């Protein structure tokens, strides 16, 4: 009997087992390690998705900030900035950059 508060880890590596099967064995630790690895991989995927979402949002915000609103009539309309921010919310960063470039190019041609 161990003094209270002390414990021991017994690993039975022999076949047949010398230690009571009710105690934990190597197979238990193998299963536990596999389960923990699976949980870690799931959490890694979640973390990667969070990072990707943050990067995507930062790229979109940067594109909107860099966008020089056309000098044309649309610039003075109250709906114009709302449209730009709506597009930021519904498009991915590549699509948003294409649309903003197209708006700027079209207005430059009209000017």
N, C-alpha and C. Protein backbone atom coordinates (compact mmCIF):
# COMPACT_ATOMS: atom_id res chain seq x y z
N UNK A 1 0.85 -1.18 0.00
CA UNK A 1 0.00 0.00 0.00
C UNK A 1 0.89 1.24 0.00
N UNK A 2 0.57 2.19 -0.90
CA UNK A 2 1.33 3.43 -0.99
C UNK A 2 0.80 4.45 0.01
N UNK A 3 1.68 5.30 0.51
CA UNK A 3 1.18 6.38 1.37
C UNK A 3 0.19 7.24 0.59
N UNK A 4 -0.75 7.83 1.28
CA UNK A 4 -1.78 8.64 0.64
C UNK A 4 -1.14 9.80 -0.12
N UNK A 5 -1.66 10.07 -1.35
CA UNK A 5 -1.14 11.15 -2.17
C UNK A 5 -0.07 10.68 -3.14
N UNK A 6 0.45 9.48 -2.97
CA UNK A 6 1.44 8.92 -3.88
C UNK A 6 0.77 7.92 -4.81
N UNK A 7 1.30 7.83 -6.02
CA UNK A 7 0.76 6.85 -6.95
C UNK A 7 1.89 6.32 -7.81
N UNK A 8 1.61 5.23 -8.48
CA UNK A 8 2.60 4.62 -9.36
C UNK A 8 1.94 4.28 -10.68
N UNK A 9 2.73 4.35 -11.70
CA UNK A 9 2.28 3.94 -13.02
C UNK A 9 2.95 2.61 -13.31
N UNK A 10 2.13 1.59 -13.51
CA UNK A 10 2.64 0.27 -13.81
C UNK A 10 2.30 -0.04 -15.26
N UNK A 11 3.31 -0.39 -16.03
CA UNK A 11 3.11 -0.74 -17.43
C UNK A 11 3.52 -2.20 -17.58
N UNK A 12 2.55 -3.03 -17.95
CA UNK A 12 2.78 -4.47 -18.09
C UNK A 12 3.09 -4.77 -19.54
N UNK A 13 4.33 -5.15 -19.82
CA UNK A 13 4.76 -5.41 -21.19
C UNK A 13 4.86 -6.90 -21.51
N UNK A 14 4.54 -7.74 -20.58
CA UNK A 14 4.67 -9.17 -20.82
C UNK A 14 3.36 -9.78 -21.25
N UNK A 15 3.48 -10.92 -21.94
CA UNK A 15 2.30 -11.70 -22.32
C UNK A 15 2.52 -13.10 -21.79
N UNK A 16 1.66 -13.65 -21.05
CA UNK A 16 0.41 -13.11 -20.53
C UNK A 16 0.67 -12.06 -19.45
N UNK A 17 -0.35 -11.28 -19.21
CA UNK A 17 -0.23 -10.17 -18.28
C UNK A 17 0.03 -10.65 -16.85
N UNK A 18 0.92 -9.91 -16.16
CA UNK A 18 1.20 -10.18 -14.75
C UNK A 18 0.34 -9.29 -13.86
N UNK A 19 -0.06 -8.14 -14.41
CA UNK A 19 -0.83 -7.17 -13.62
C UNK A 19 -2.30 -7.37 -13.93
N UNK A 20 -3.11 -7.08 -12.95
CA UNK A 20 -4.56 -7.22 -13.10
C UNK A 20 -5.04 -6.47 -14.34
N UNK A 21 -5.83 -7.07 -15.20
CA UNK A 21 -6.34 -6.45 -16.42
C UNK A 21 -7.26 -5.28 -16.13
N UNK A 22 -7.75 -5.18 -14.95
CA UNK A 22 -8.60 -4.03 -14.59
C UNK A 22 -7.77 -2.75 -14.55
N UNK A 23 -6.45 -2.91 -14.38
CA UNK A 23 -5.57 -1.75 -14.41
C UNK A 23 -5.30 -1.39 -15.86
N UNK A 24 -4.85 -0.19 -16.09
CA UNK A 24 -4.59 0.28 -17.45
C UNK A 24 -3.37 -0.42 -18.04
N UNK A 25 -3.46 -0.72 -19.35
CA UNK A 25 -2.35 -1.38 -20.03
C UNK A 25 -1.83 -0.52 -21.18
N UNK A 26 -0.83 -1.01 -21.92
CA UNK A 26 -0.21 -0.28 -23.01
C UNK A 26 -1.24 0.02 -24.10
N UNK A 27 -2.13 -0.91 -24.36
CA UNK A 27 -3.17 -0.68 -25.38
C UNK A 27 -4.04 0.52 -25.01
N UNK A 28 -4.31 0.68 -23.73
CA UNK A 28 -5.10 1.84 -23.28
C UNK A 28 -4.38 3.13 -23.65
N UNK A 29 -3.07 3.17 -23.40
CA UNK A 29 -2.31 4.39 -23.70
C UNK A 29 -2.22 4.63 -25.20
N UNK A 30 -2.16 3.56 -25.98
CA UNK A 30 -2.15 3.70 -27.44
C UNK A 30 -3.47 4.32 -27.91
N UNK A 31 -4.57 3.81 -27.42
CA UNK A 31 -5.89 4.35 -27.78
C UNK A 31 -6.00 5.81 -27.33
N UNK A 32 -5.56 6.08 -26.13
CA UNK A 32 -5.61 7.44 -25.59
C UNK A 32 -4.76 8.39 -26.44
N UNK A 33 -3.59 7.96 -26.84
CA UNK A 33 -2.72 8.81 -27.68
C UNK A 33 -3.37 9.08 -29.03
N UNK A 34 -4.00 8.07 -29.62
CA UNK A 34 -4.68 8.26 -30.92
C UNK A 34 -5.85 9.23 -30.79
N UNK A 35 -6.62 9.10 -29.71
CA UNK A 35 -7.75 10.01 -29.49
C UNK A 35 -7.25 11.43 -29.30
N UNK A 36 -6.20 11.61 -28.52
CA UNK A 36 -5.65 12.95 -28.28
C UNK A 36 -5.11 13.55 -29.57
N UNK A 37 -4.47 12.74 -30.40
CA UNK A 37 -3.95 13.22 -31.68
C UNK A 37 -5.10 13.67 -32.57
N UNK A 38 -6.17 12.91 -32.57
CA UNK A 38 -7.33 13.27 -33.38
C UNK A 38 -7.92 14.61 -32.93
N UNK A 39 -8.03 14.78 -31.62
CA UNK A 39 -8.56 16.04 -31.08
C UNK A 39 -7.64 17.20 -31.46
N UNK A 40 -6.35 17.00 -31.35
CA UNK A 40 -5.39 18.06 -31.70
C UNK A 40 -5.47 18.43 -33.17
N UNK A 41 -5.62 17.43 -34.04
CA UNK A 41 -5.73 17.71 -35.47
C UNK A 41 -7.01 18.48 -35.78
N UNK A 42 -8.10 18.13 -35.11
CA UNK A 42 -9.36 18.86 -35.30
C UNK A 42 -9.20 20.32 -34.87
N UNK A 43 -8.56 20.52 -33.74
CA UNK A 43 -8.35 21.88 -33.24
C UNK A 43 -7.40 22.66 -34.15
N UNK A 44 -6.42 21.98 -34.71
CA UNK A 44 -5.50 22.62 -35.65
C UNK A 44 -6.26 23.11 -36.88
N UNK A 45 -7.16 22.30 -37.40
CA UNK A 45 -7.95 22.70 -38.56
C UNK A 45 -8.82 23.91 -38.23
N UNK A 46 -9.40 23.93 -37.05
CA UNK A 46 -10.22 25.08 -36.64
C UNK A 46 -9.35 26.34 -36.55
N UNK A 47 -8.17 26.20 -35.97
CA UNK A 47 -7.27 27.36 -35.84
C UNK A 47 -6.83 27.86 -37.20
N UNK A 48 -6.53 26.95 -38.12
CA UNK A 48 -6.14 27.35 -39.47
C UNK A 48 -7.27 28.10 -40.16
N UNK A 49 -8.50 27.66 -39.97
CA UNK A 49 -9.64 28.33 -40.59
C UNK A 49 -9.82 29.73 -40.01
N UNK A 50 -9.62 29.88 -38.71
CA UNK A 50 -9.73 31.19 -38.07
C UNK A 50 -8.68 32.14 -38.64
N UNK A 51 -7.46 31.65 -38.79
CA UNK A 51 -6.38 32.47 -39.35
C UNK A 51 -6.71 32.86 -40.79
N UNK A 52 -7.18 31.91 -41.59
CA UNK A 52 -7.53 32.20 -42.98
C UNK A 52 -8.64 33.25 -43.04
N UNK A 53 -9.64 33.13 -42.18
CA UNK A 53 -10.73 34.11 -42.15
C UNK A 53 -10.22 35.50 -41.79
N UNK A 54 -9.32 35.57 -40.81
CA UNK A 54 -8.77 36.86 -40.40
C UNK A 54 -7.93 37.48 -41.51
N UNK A 55 -7.14 36.68 -42.18
CA UNK A 55 -6.33 37.20 -43.29
C UNK A 55 -7.24 37.70 -44.41
N UNK A 56 -8.25 36.93 -44.74
CA UNK A 56 -9.19 37.32 -45.80
C UNK A 56 -9.85 38.66 -45.46
N UNK A 57 -10.28 38.81 -44.22
CA UNK A 57 -10.94 40.06 -43.80
C UNK A 57 -9.96 41.22 -43.86
N UNK A 58 -8.71 41.00 -43.45
CA UNK A 58 -7.70 42.06 -43.49
C UNK A 58 -7.41 42.49 -44.93
N UNK A 59 -7.33 41.53 -45.84
CA UNK A 59 -7.08 41.86 -47.25
C UNK A 59 -8.24 42.68 -47.80
N UNK A 60 -9.47 42.30 -47.45
CA UNK A 60 -10.64 43.03 -47.93
C UNK A 60 -10.67 44.46 -47.38
N UNK A 61 -10.37 44.61 -46.10
CA UNK A 61 -10.36 45.95 -45.51
C UNK A 61 -9.28 46.82 -46.15
N UNK A 62 -8.13 46.22 -46.41
CA UNK A 62 -7.04 46.96 -47.06
C UNK A 62 -7.45 47.39 -48.46
N UNK A 63 -8.11 46.52 -49.20
CA UNK A 63 -8.54 46.85 -50.56
C UNK A 63 -9.52 48.01 -50.55
N UNK A 64 -10.45 48.00 -49.61
CA UNK A 64 -11.43 49.08 -49.52
C UNK A 64 -10.74 50.39 -49.14
N UNK A 65 -9.80 50.33 -48.21
CA UNK A 65 -9.10 51.56 -47.79
C UNK A 65 -8.25 52.14 -48.92
N UNK A 66 -7.64 51.26 -49.72
CA UNK A 66 -6.79 51.72 -50.81
C UNK A 66 -7.62 52.21 -52.00
N UNK A 67 -8.85 51.78 -52.07
CA UNK A 67 -9.70 52.14 -53.21
C UNK A 67 -9.94 53.64 -53.24
N UNK A 68 -9.60 54.23 -54.34
CA UNK A 68 -9.86 55.65 -54.53
C UNK A 68 -11.19 55.77 -55.24
N UNK A 69 -12.17 56.29 -54.53
CA UNK A 69 -13.50 56.42 -55.12
C UNK A 69 -13.42 57.30 -56.37
N UNK A 70 -14.14 56.90 -57.41
CA UNK A 70 -14.12 57.69 -58.64
C UNK A 70 -14.61 59.11 -58.40
N UNK A 71 -14.16 60.00 -59.22
CA UNK A 71 -14.52 61.41 -59.09
C UNK A 71 -15.92 61.66 -59.67
N UNK A 72 -16.46 60.70 -60.40
CA UNK A 72 -17.74 60.87 -61.08
C UNK A 72 -18.91 61.09 -60.14
N UNK A 73 -20.09 61.13 -60.69
CA UNK A 73 -21.31 61.44 -59.95
C UNK A 73 -21.60 60.41 -58.87
N UNK A 74 -21.23 59.15 -59.10
CA UNK A 74 -21.53 58.10 -58.12
C UNK A 74 -20.88 58.37 -56.77
N UNK A 75 -19.75 59.03 -56.79
CA UNK A 75 -19.02 59.29 -55.55
C UNK A 75 -19.83 60.14 -54.58
N UNK A 76 -20.65 61.03 -55.09
CA UNK A 76 -21.43 61.91 -54.23
C UNK A 76 -22.74 61.28 -53.78
N UNK A 77 -23.10 60.17 -54.35
CA UNK A 77 -24.35 59.52 -53.98
C UNK A 77 -24.20 58.82 -52.63
N UNK A 78 -25.24 58.90 -51.78
CA UNK A 78 -25.14 58.27 -50.46
C UNK A 78 -25.08 56.74 -50.53
N UNK A 79 -25.57 56.14 -51.60
CA UNK A 79 -25.57 54.69 -51.72
C UNK A 79 -24.20 54.13 -52.08
N UNK A 80 -23.31 54.96 -52.62
CA UNK A 80 -22.03 54.47 -53.13
C UNK A 80 -21.16 53.83 -52.04
N UNK A 81 -20.91 54.50 -50.91
CA UNK A 81 -20.09 53.84 -49.88
C UNK A 81 -20.79 52.61 -49.30
N UNK A 82 -22.12 52.67 -49.20
CA UNK A 82 -22.85 51.51 -48.69
C UNK A 82 -22.66 50.31 -49.63
N UNK A 83 -22.67 50.58 -50.94
CA UNK A 83 -22.47 49.52 -51.91
C UNK A 83 -21.08 48.91 -51.76
N UNK A 84 -20.07 49.75 -51.57
CA UNK A 84 -18.70 49.25 -51.43
C UNK A 84 -18.58 48.35 -50.20
N UNK A 85 -19.16 48.76 -49.08
CA UNK A 85 -19.08 47.95 -47.87
C UNK A 85 -19.93 46.69 -47.98
N UNK A 86 -21.03 46.76 -48.72
CA UNK A 86 -21.83 45.56 -48.97
C UNK A 86 -21.01 44.57 -49.79
N UNK A 87 -20.34 45.06 -50.82
CA UNK A 87 -19.50 44.18 -51.64
C UNK A 87 -18.39 43.54 -50.81
N UNK A 88 -17.83 44.30 -49.88
CA UNK A 88 -16.79 43.77 -48.99
C UNK A 88 -17.31 42.59 -48.19
N UNK A 89 -18.57 42.67 -47.80
CA UNK A 89 -19.15 41.60 -46.98
C UNK A 89 -19.52 40.36 -47.78
N UNK A 90 -19.89 40.51 -49.03
CA UNK A 90 -20.40 39.36 -49.79
C UNK A 90 -19.39 38.72 -50.75
N UNK A 91 -18.33 39.43 -51.10
CA UNK A 91 -17.35 38.89 -52.03
C UNK A 91 -16.10 38.42 -51.30
N UNK A 92 -15.37 37.51 -51.94
CA UNK A 92 -14.07 37.19 -51.35
C UNK A 92 -13.07 38.26 -51.77
N UNK A 93 -11.88 38.22 -51.24
CA UNK A 93 -10.93 39.32 -51.45
C UNK A 93 -10.54 39.48 -52.93
N UNK A 94 -10.36 38.38 -53.64
CA UNK A 94 -9.98 38.47 -55.06
C UNK A 94 -11.10 39.11 -55.88
N UNK A 95 -12.33 38.69 -55.64
CA UNK A 95 -13.48 39.26 -56.35
C UNK A 95 -13.64 40.74 -56.03
N UNK A 96 -13.50 41.08 -54.75
CA UNK A 96 -13.63 42.48 -54.33
C UNK A 96 -12.59 43.36 -55.02
N UNK A 97 -11.36 42.90 -55.06
CA UNK A 97 -10.30 43.68 -55.71
C UNK A 97 -10.59 43.86 -57.20
N UNK A 98 -11.12 42.84 -57.85
CA UNK A 98 -11.47 42.94 -59.27
C UNK A 98 -12.57 43.98 -59.49
N UNK A 99 -13.60 43.93 -58.63
CA UNK A 99 -14.72 44.86 -58.77
C UNK A 99 -14.26 46.30 -58.53
N UNK A 100 -13.48 46.51 -57.49
CA UNK A 100 -13.00 47.87 -57.18
C UNK A 100 -12.12 48.40 -58.33
N UNK A 101 -11.28 47.55 -58.87
CA UNK A 101 -10.44 47.97 -60.00
C UNK A 101 -11.32 48.30 -61.20
N UNK A 102 -12.32 47.50 -61.44
CA UNK A 102 -13.21 47.74 -62.59
C UNK A 102 -13.96 49.06 -62.41
N UNK A 103 -14.43 49.34 -61.19
CA UNK A 103 -15.13 50.61 -60.94
C UNK A 103 -14.18 51.78 -61.21
N UNK A 104 -12.98 51.70 -60.67
CA UNK A 104 -12.01 52.78 -60.84
C UNK A 104 -11.65 52.95 -62.32
N UNK A 105 -11.44 51.84 -63.03
CA UNK A 105 -11.09 51.93 -64.46
C UNK A 105 -12.23 52.49 -65.29
N UNK A 106 -13.45 52.07 -65.01
CA UNK A 106 -14.61 52.55 -65.76
C UNK A 106 -14.81 54.04 -65.56
N UNK A 107 -14.70 54.50 -64.34
CA UNK A 107 -14.88 55.91 -64.07
C UNK A 107 -13.75 56.76 -64.68
N UNK A 108 -12.53 56.17 -64.68
CA UNK A 108 -11.41 56.90 -65.28
C UNK A 108 -11.61 57.06 -66.78
N UNK A 109 -12.19 56.04 -67.42
CA UNK A 109 -12.46 56.11 -68.87
C UNK A 109 -13.52 57.14 -69.16
N UNK A 110 -14.53 57.24 -68.28
CA UNK A 110 -15.63 58.17 -68.49
C UNK A 110 -15.21 59.63 -68.24
N UNK A 111 -14.19 59.82 -67.46
CA UNK A 111 -13.77 61.17 -67.10
C UNK A 111 -13.06 61.88 -68.22
